[in-house]
Amino acid sequence: MGYNNFGGFGGANMNQIMRQAQKMQEEMERAKREIEESEFTSSVGGGMVEVKMNGKRQMLSINIKNEVIDPDDKEMLEDLVLSAVNDCLGQISRKEQESMPQVPGLF
């Protein structure tokens, strides 16, 4: 029994598996870069609060309309900001799931 038998995989098969793994890793890195360079925007409360994030989950901007700033109803503003941020994060997660190559048998 030679050393080129890796649990039933011949040398040629092992080389093919390694090439496929490298190709998949390159595809995953490309998809990750594309997502990180993308921008995601969420607008809630009829446009009263708008949040923009990048794919690295960094907030790029937040825009709050003056009409929603009510010192007597601080909780509403907090809820709108929280909702917009969580929506952006959800968009990023969905994009990651859609963009990453699927590996049969892993998930």
N, C-alpha and C. Protein backbone atom coordinates (compact mmCIF):
# COMPACT_ATOMS: atom_id res chain seq x y z
N MET A 1 0.84 -1.17 0.00
CA MET A 1 0.00 0.00 0.00
C MET A 1 0.89 1.23 0.00
N GLY A 2 0.78 2.06 -1.04
CA GLY A 2 1.63 3.23 -1.17
C GLY A 2 1.06 4.43 -0.43
N TYR A 3 1.89 5.44 -0.31
CA TYR A 3 1.48 6.67 0.38
C TYR A 3 0.58 7.55 -0.48
N ASN A 4 0.45 7.22 -1.78
CA ASN A 4 -0.40 8.04 -2.63
C ASN A 4 -1.87 7.63 -2.54
N ASN A 5 -2.20 6.65 -1.72
CA ASN A 5 -3.59 6.29 -1.46
C ASN A 5 -4.03 6.97 -0.17
N PHE A 6 -4.79 8.02 -0.30
CA PHE A 6 -5.28 8.77 0.85
C PHE A 6 -6.70 8.35 1.16
N GLY A 7 -6.84 7.26 1.90
CA GLY A 7 -8.17 6.81 2.28
C GLY A 7 -9.05 6.52 1.10
N GLY A 8 -8.50 5.96 0.04
CA GLY A 8 -9.29 5.65 -1.13
C GLY A 8 -9.19 6.71 -2.20
N PHE A 9 -8.59 7.84 -1.92
CA PHE A 9 -8.43 8.88 -2.92
C PHE A 9 -7.07 8.71 -3.59
N GLY A 10 -7.06 8.59 -4.89
CA GLY A 10 -5.80 8.51 -5.60
C GLY A 10 -5.18 9.89 -5.68
N GLY A 11 -3.93 9.97 -6.10
CA GLY A 11 -3.24 11.25 -6.19
C GLY A 11 -3.94 12.23 -7.11
N ALA A 12 -4.43 11.75 -8.27
CA ALA A 12 -5.13 12.62 -9.21
C ALA A 12 -6.41 13.16 -8.59
N ASN A 13 -7.15 12.31 -7.89
CA ASN A 13 -8.39 12.76 -7.25
C ASN A 13 -8.10 13.78 -6.17
N MET A 14 -7.03 13.58 -5.42
CA MET A 14 -6.68 14.52 -4.36
C MET A 14 -6.32 15.87 -4.96
N ASN A 15 -5.59 15.87 -6.08
CA ASN A 15 -5.25 17.14 -6.74
C ASN A 15 -6.51 17.85 -7.22
N GLN A 16 -7.46 17.10 -7.75
CA GLN A 16 -8.71 17.69 -8.21
C GLN A 16 -9.50 18.28 -7.03
N ILE A 17 -9.54 17.58 -5.92
CA ILE A 17 -10.23 18.07 -4.73
C ILE A 17 -9.57 19.35 -4.23
N MET A 18 -8.24 19.38 -4.24
CA MET A 18 -7.53 20.57 -3.78
C MET A 18 -7.80 21.76 -4.71
N ARG A 19 -7.85 21.53 -6.03
CA ARG A 19 -8.15 22.62 -6.98
C ARG A 19 -9.57 23.14 -6.75
N GLN A 20 -10.51 22.22 -6.54
CA GLN A 20 -11.89 22.64 -6.29
C GLN A 20 -12.00 23.44 -4.99
N ALA A 21 -11.28 23.01 -3.96
CA ALA A 21 -11.30 23.73 -2.68
C ALA A 21 -10.70 25.12 -2.85
N GLN A 22 -9.62 25.23 -3.60
CA GLN A 22 -8.99 26.53 -3.83
C GLN A 22 -9.92 27.44 -4.63
N LYS A 23 -10.59 26.88 -5.64
CA LYS A 23 -11.54 27.67 -6.44
C LYS A 23 -12.69 28.16 -5.56
N MET A 24 -13.19 27.30 -4.70
CA MET A 24 -14.29 27.68 -3.82
C MET A 24 -13.84 28.77 -2.85
N GLN A 25 -12.64 28.67 -2.32
CA GLN A 25 -12.12 29.69 -1.42
C GLN A 25 -11.99 31.03 -2.14
N GLU A 26 -11.53 31.02 -3.38
CA GLU A 26 -11.43 32.25 -4.16
C GLU A 26 -12.80 32.86 -4.40
N GLU A 27 -13.80 32.02 -4.70
CA GLU A 27 -15.16 32.50 -4.90
C GLU A 27 -15.72 33.11 -3.62
N MET A 28 -15.45 32.48 -2.49
CA MET A 28 -15.93 32.99 -1.21
C MET A 28 -15.28 34.34 -0.89
N GLU A 29 -14.00 34.47 -1.16
CA GLU A 29 -13.30 35.73 -0.90
C GLU A 29 -13.82 36.84 -1.82
N ARG A 30 -14.09 36.50 -3.07
CA ARG A 30 -14.64 37.48 -4.02
C ARG A 30 -16.01 37.94 -3.55
N ALA A 31 -16.86 37.00 -3.17
CA ALA A 31 -18.20 37.34 -2.68
C ALA A 31 -18.12 38.21 -1.43
N LYS A 32 -17.21 37.89 -0.54
CA LYS A 32 -17.04 38.67 0.69
C LYS A 32 -16.62 40.11 0.37
N ARG A 33 -15.67 40.27 -0.56
CA ARG A 33 -15.22 41.61 -0.96
C ARG A 33 -16.38 42.41 -1.56
N GLU A 34 -17.16 41.76 -2.42
CA GLU A 34 -18.29 42.45 -3.05
C GLU A 34 -19.30 42.91 -2.00
N ILE A 35 -19.57 42.07 -1.04
CA ILE A 35 -20.51 42.44 0.02
C ILE A 35 -19.95 43.58 0.84
N GLU A 36 -18.69 43.50 1.23
CA GLU A 36 -18.08 44.55 2.04
C GLU A 36 -18.08 45.90 1.33
N GLU A 37 -18.00 45.90 0.01
CA GLU A 37 -17.99 47.14 -0.77
C GLU A 37 -19.39 47.65 -1.07
N SER A 38 -20.41 46.85 -0.80
CA SER A 38 -21.79 47.24 -1.06
C SER A 38 -22.31 48.14 0.05
N GLU A 39 -23.34 48.91 -0.28
CA GLU A 39 -24.02 49.73 0.70
C GLU A 39 -25.45 49.24 0.84
N PHE A 40 -25.95 49.29 2.06
CA PHE A 40 -27.30 48.84 2.39
C PHE A 40 -28.02 49.98 3.08
N THR A 41 -29.24 50.25 2.66
CA THR A 41 -30.01 51.36 3.20
C THR A 41 -31.34 50.86 3.70
N SER A 42 -31.75 51.39 4.84
CA SER A 42 -33.06 51.08 5.39
C SER A 42 -33.74 52.39 5.77
N SER A 43 -34.99 52.51 5.38
CA SER A 43 -35.78 53.68 5.71
C SER A 43 -37.02 53.20 6.45
N VAL A 44 -37.26 53.75 7.64
CA VAL A 44 -38.41 53.32 8.45
C VAL A 44 -39.23 54.54 8.86
N GLY A 45 -40.43 54.27 9.34
CA GLY A 45 -41.29 55.35 9.79
C GLY A 45 -41.69 56.29 8.67
N GLY A 46 -41.93 55.72 7.49
CA GLY A 46 -42.29 56.57 6.36
C GLY A 46 -41.18 57.51 5.95
N GLY A 47 -39.95 57.09 6.11
CA GLY A 47 -38.80 57.91 5.73
C GLY A 47 -38.31 58.83 6.83
N MET A 48 -38.86 58.68 8.02
CA MET A 48 -38.46 59.56 9.12
C MET A 48 -37.04 59.26 9.60
N VAL A 49 -36.62 58.00 9.51
CA VAL A 49 -35.26 57.61 9.90
C VAL A 49 -34.69 56.75 8.77
N GLU A 50 -33.50 57.12 8.33
CA GLU A 50 -32.81 56.36 7.29
C GLU A 50 -31.40 56.05 7.76
N VAL A 51 -31.02 54.78 7.61
CA VAL A 51 -29.69 54.32 8.01
C VAL A 51 -29.02 53.71 6.79
N LYS A 52 -27.73 54.02 6.63
CA LYS A 52 -26.93 53.43 5.56
C LYS A 52 -25.73 52.75 6.19
N MET A 53 -25.49 51.49 5.79
CA MET A 53 -24.36 50.72 6.30
C MET A 53 -23.62 50.10 5.13
N ASN A 54 -22.36 49.74 5.37
CA ASN A 54 -21.64 48.96 4.37
C ASN A 54 -21.67 47.49 4.78
N GLY A 55 -21.16 46.65 3.90
CA GLY A 55 -21.17 45.22 4.16
C GLY A 55 -20.26 44.78 5.28
N LYS A 56 -19.46 45.69 5.80
CA LYS A 56 -18.62 45.38 6.95
C LYS A 56 -19.38 45.65 8.24
N ARG A 57 -20.66 46.00 8.10
CA ARG A 57 -21.56 46.31 9.22
C ARG A 57 -21.15 47.60 9.94
N GLN A 58 -20.56 48.51 9.18
CA GLN A 58 -20.22 49.82 9.71
C GLN A 58 -21.30 50.81 9.26
N MET A 59 -21.81 51.60 10.20
CA MET A 59 -22.81 52.58 9.84
C MET A 59 -22.13 53.72 9.12
N LEU A 60 -22.63 54.05 7.93
CA LEU A 60 -22.05 55.12 7.12
C LEU A 60 -22.77 56.44 7.38
N SER A 61 -24.09 56.35 7.58
CA SER A 61 -24.83 57.58 7.85
C SER A 61 -26.16 57.24 8.50
N ILE A 62 -26.70 58.22 9.18
CA ILE A 62 -28.04 58.13 9.74
C ILE A 62 -28.68 59.49 9.52
N ASN A 63 -29.91 59.47 9.01
CA ASN A 63 -30.64 60.70 8.75
C ASN A 63 -31.96 60.63 9.51
N ILE A 64 -32.18 61.61 10.38
CA ILE A 64 -33.40 61.67 11.18
C ILE A 64 -34.11 62.97 10.85
N LYS A 65 -35.36 62.85 10.40
CA LYS A 65 -36.15 64.05 10.08
C LYS A 65 -36.50 64.79 11.36
N ASN A 66 -36.52 66.08 11.28
CA ASN A 66 -36.82 66.91 12.45
C ASN A 66 -38.18 66.58 13.07
N GLU A 67 -39.14 66.22 12.23
CA GLU A 67 -40.50 65.97 12.72
C GLU A 67 -40.58 64.82 13.72
N VAL A 68 -39.62 63.90 13.66
CA VAL A 68 -39.66 62.74 14.55
C VAL A 68 -38.93 63.00 15.86
N ILE A 69 -38.26 64.12 15.97
CA ILE A 69 -37.52 64.44 17.20
C ILE A 69 -38.49 65.11 18.18
N ASP A 70 -38.95 64.32 19.11
CA ASP A 70 -39.91 64.79 20.12
C ASP A 70 -39.34 64.45 21.50
N PRO A 71 -38.92 65.44 22.26
CA PRO A 71 -38.33 65.16 23.58
C PRO A 71 -39.27 64.38 24.51
N ASP A 72 -40.57 64.48 24.25
CA ASP A 72 -41.53 63.78 25.09
C ASP A 72 -41.75 62.33 24.63
N ASP A 73 -41.20 61.98 23.47
CA ASP A 73 -41.40 60.62 22.96
C ASP A 73 -40.07 60.06 22.44
N LYS A 74 -39.08 60.09 23.31
CA LYS A 74 -37.74 59.61 22.99
C LYS A 74 -37.76 58.14 22.57
N GLU A 75 -38.62 57.33 23.19
CA GLU A 75 -38.68 55.89 22.91
C GLU A 75 -39.05 55.62 21.46
N MET A 76 -39.94 56.43 20.87
CA MET A 76 -40.32 56.21 19.47
C MET A 76 -39.11 56.38 18.57
N LEU A 77 -38.32 57.42 18.80
CA LEU A 77 -37.13 57.65 17.99
C LEU A 77 -36.13 56.52 18.16
N GLU A 78 -35.93 56.09 19.39
CA GLU A 78 -35.03 54.96 19.63
C GLU A 78 -35.50 53.71 18.90
N ASP A 79 -36.80 53.45 18.94
CA ASP A 79 -37.35 52.28 18.24
C ASP A 79 -37.15 52.38 16.74
N LEU A 80 -37.33 53.56 16.17
CA LEU A 80 -37.14 53.74 14.73
C LEU A 80 -35.68 53.51 14.34
N VAL A 81 -34.76 54.05 15.11
CA VAL A 81 -33.32 53.87 14.82
C VAL A 81 -32.96 52.39 14.94
N LEU A 82 -33.43 51.77 16.00
CA LEU A 82 -33.15 50.34 16.20
C LEU A 82 -33.70 49.51 15.05
N SER A 83 -34.90 49.81 14.63
CA SER A 83 -35.53 49.08 13.53
C SER A 83 -34.74 49.25 12.23
N ALA A 84 -34.31 50.47 11.94
CA ALA A 84 -33.55 50.72 10.71
C ALA A 84 -32.21 50.00 10.73
N VAL A 85 -31.52 50.06 11.85
CA VAL A 85 -30.21 49.38 11.96
C VAL A 85 -30.39 47.87 11.81
N ASN A 86 -31.37 47.31 12.50
CA ASN A 86 -31.59 45.86 12.41
C ASN A 86 -32.00 45.44 11.01
N ASP A 87 -32.75 46.27 10.32
CA ASP A 87 -33.12 45.95 8.94
C ASP A 87 -31.89 45.93 8.04
N CYS A 88 -31.00 46.90 8.19
CA CYS A 88 -29.76 46.90 7.40
C CYS A 88 -28.93 45.65 7.69
N LEU A 89 -28.80 45.31 8.96
CA LEU A 89 -28.04 44.11 9.32
C LEU A 89 -28.67 42.85 8.70
N GLY A 90 -29.99 42.79 8.68
CA GLY A 90 -30.68 41.66 8.05
C GLY A 90 -30.43 41.61 6.56
N GLN A 91 -30.41 42.78 5.90
CA GLN A 91 -30.10 42.83 4.47
C GLN A 91 -28.71 42.28 4.20
N ILE A 92 -27.76 42.65 5.02
CA ILE A 92 -26.38 42.18 4.85
C ILE A 92 -26.32 40.67 5.03
N SER A 93 -26.97 40.15 6.05
CA SER A 93 -26.96 38.70 6.29
C SER A 93 -27.59 37.94 5.13
N ARG A 94 -28.71 38.45 4.62
CA ARG A 94 -29.35 37.78 3.47
C ARG A 94 -28.46 37.80 2.25
N LYS A 95 -27.79 38.92 2.02
CA LYS A 95 -26.88 39.02 0.87
C LYS A 95 -25.71 38.05 1.02
N GLU A 96 -25.20 37.90 2.23
CA GLU A 96 -24.11 36.95 2.47
C GLU A 96 -24.58 35.53 2.15
N GLN A 97 -25.76 35.17 2.60
CA GLN A 97 -26.28 33.82 2.35
C GLN A 97 -26.50 33.58 0.87
N GLU A 98 -26.98 34.59 0.16
CA GLU A 98 -27.22 34.45 -1.28
C GLU A 98 -25.93 34.38 -2.08
N SER A 99 -24.90 35.08 -1.63
CA SER A 99 -23.68 35.25 -2.42
C SER A 99 -22.64 34.17 -2.20
N MET A 100 -22.67 33.53 -1.06
CA MET A 100 -21.63 32.54 -0.78
C MET A 100 -21.90 31.24 -1.54
N PRO A 101 -20.86 30.66 -2.12
CA PRO A 101 -21.03 29.39 -2.82
C PRO A 101 -21.51 28.31 -1.87
N GLN A 102 -22.40 27.48 -2.37
CA GLN A 102 -22.94 26.39 -1.57
C GLN A 102 -22.03 25.17 -1.66
N VAL A 103 -21.76 24.58 -0.52
CA VAL A 103 -20.91 23.38 -0.47
C VAL A 103 -21.83 22.20 -0.13
N PRO A 104 -22.02 21.28 -1.07
CA PRO A 104 -22.89 20.15 -0.79
C PRO A 104 -22.40 19.36 0.43
N GLY A 105 -23.31 19.03 1.29
CA GLY A 105 -23.00 18.19 2.44
C GLY A 105 -22.51 18.94 3.66
N LEU A 106 -22.28 20.27 3.54
CA LEU A 106 -21.80 21.01 4.70
C LEU A 106 -22.94 21.66 5.48
N PHE A 107 -23.98 22.12 4.78
CA PHE A 107 -25.06 22.81 5.47
C PHE A 107 -26.39 22.23 5.09
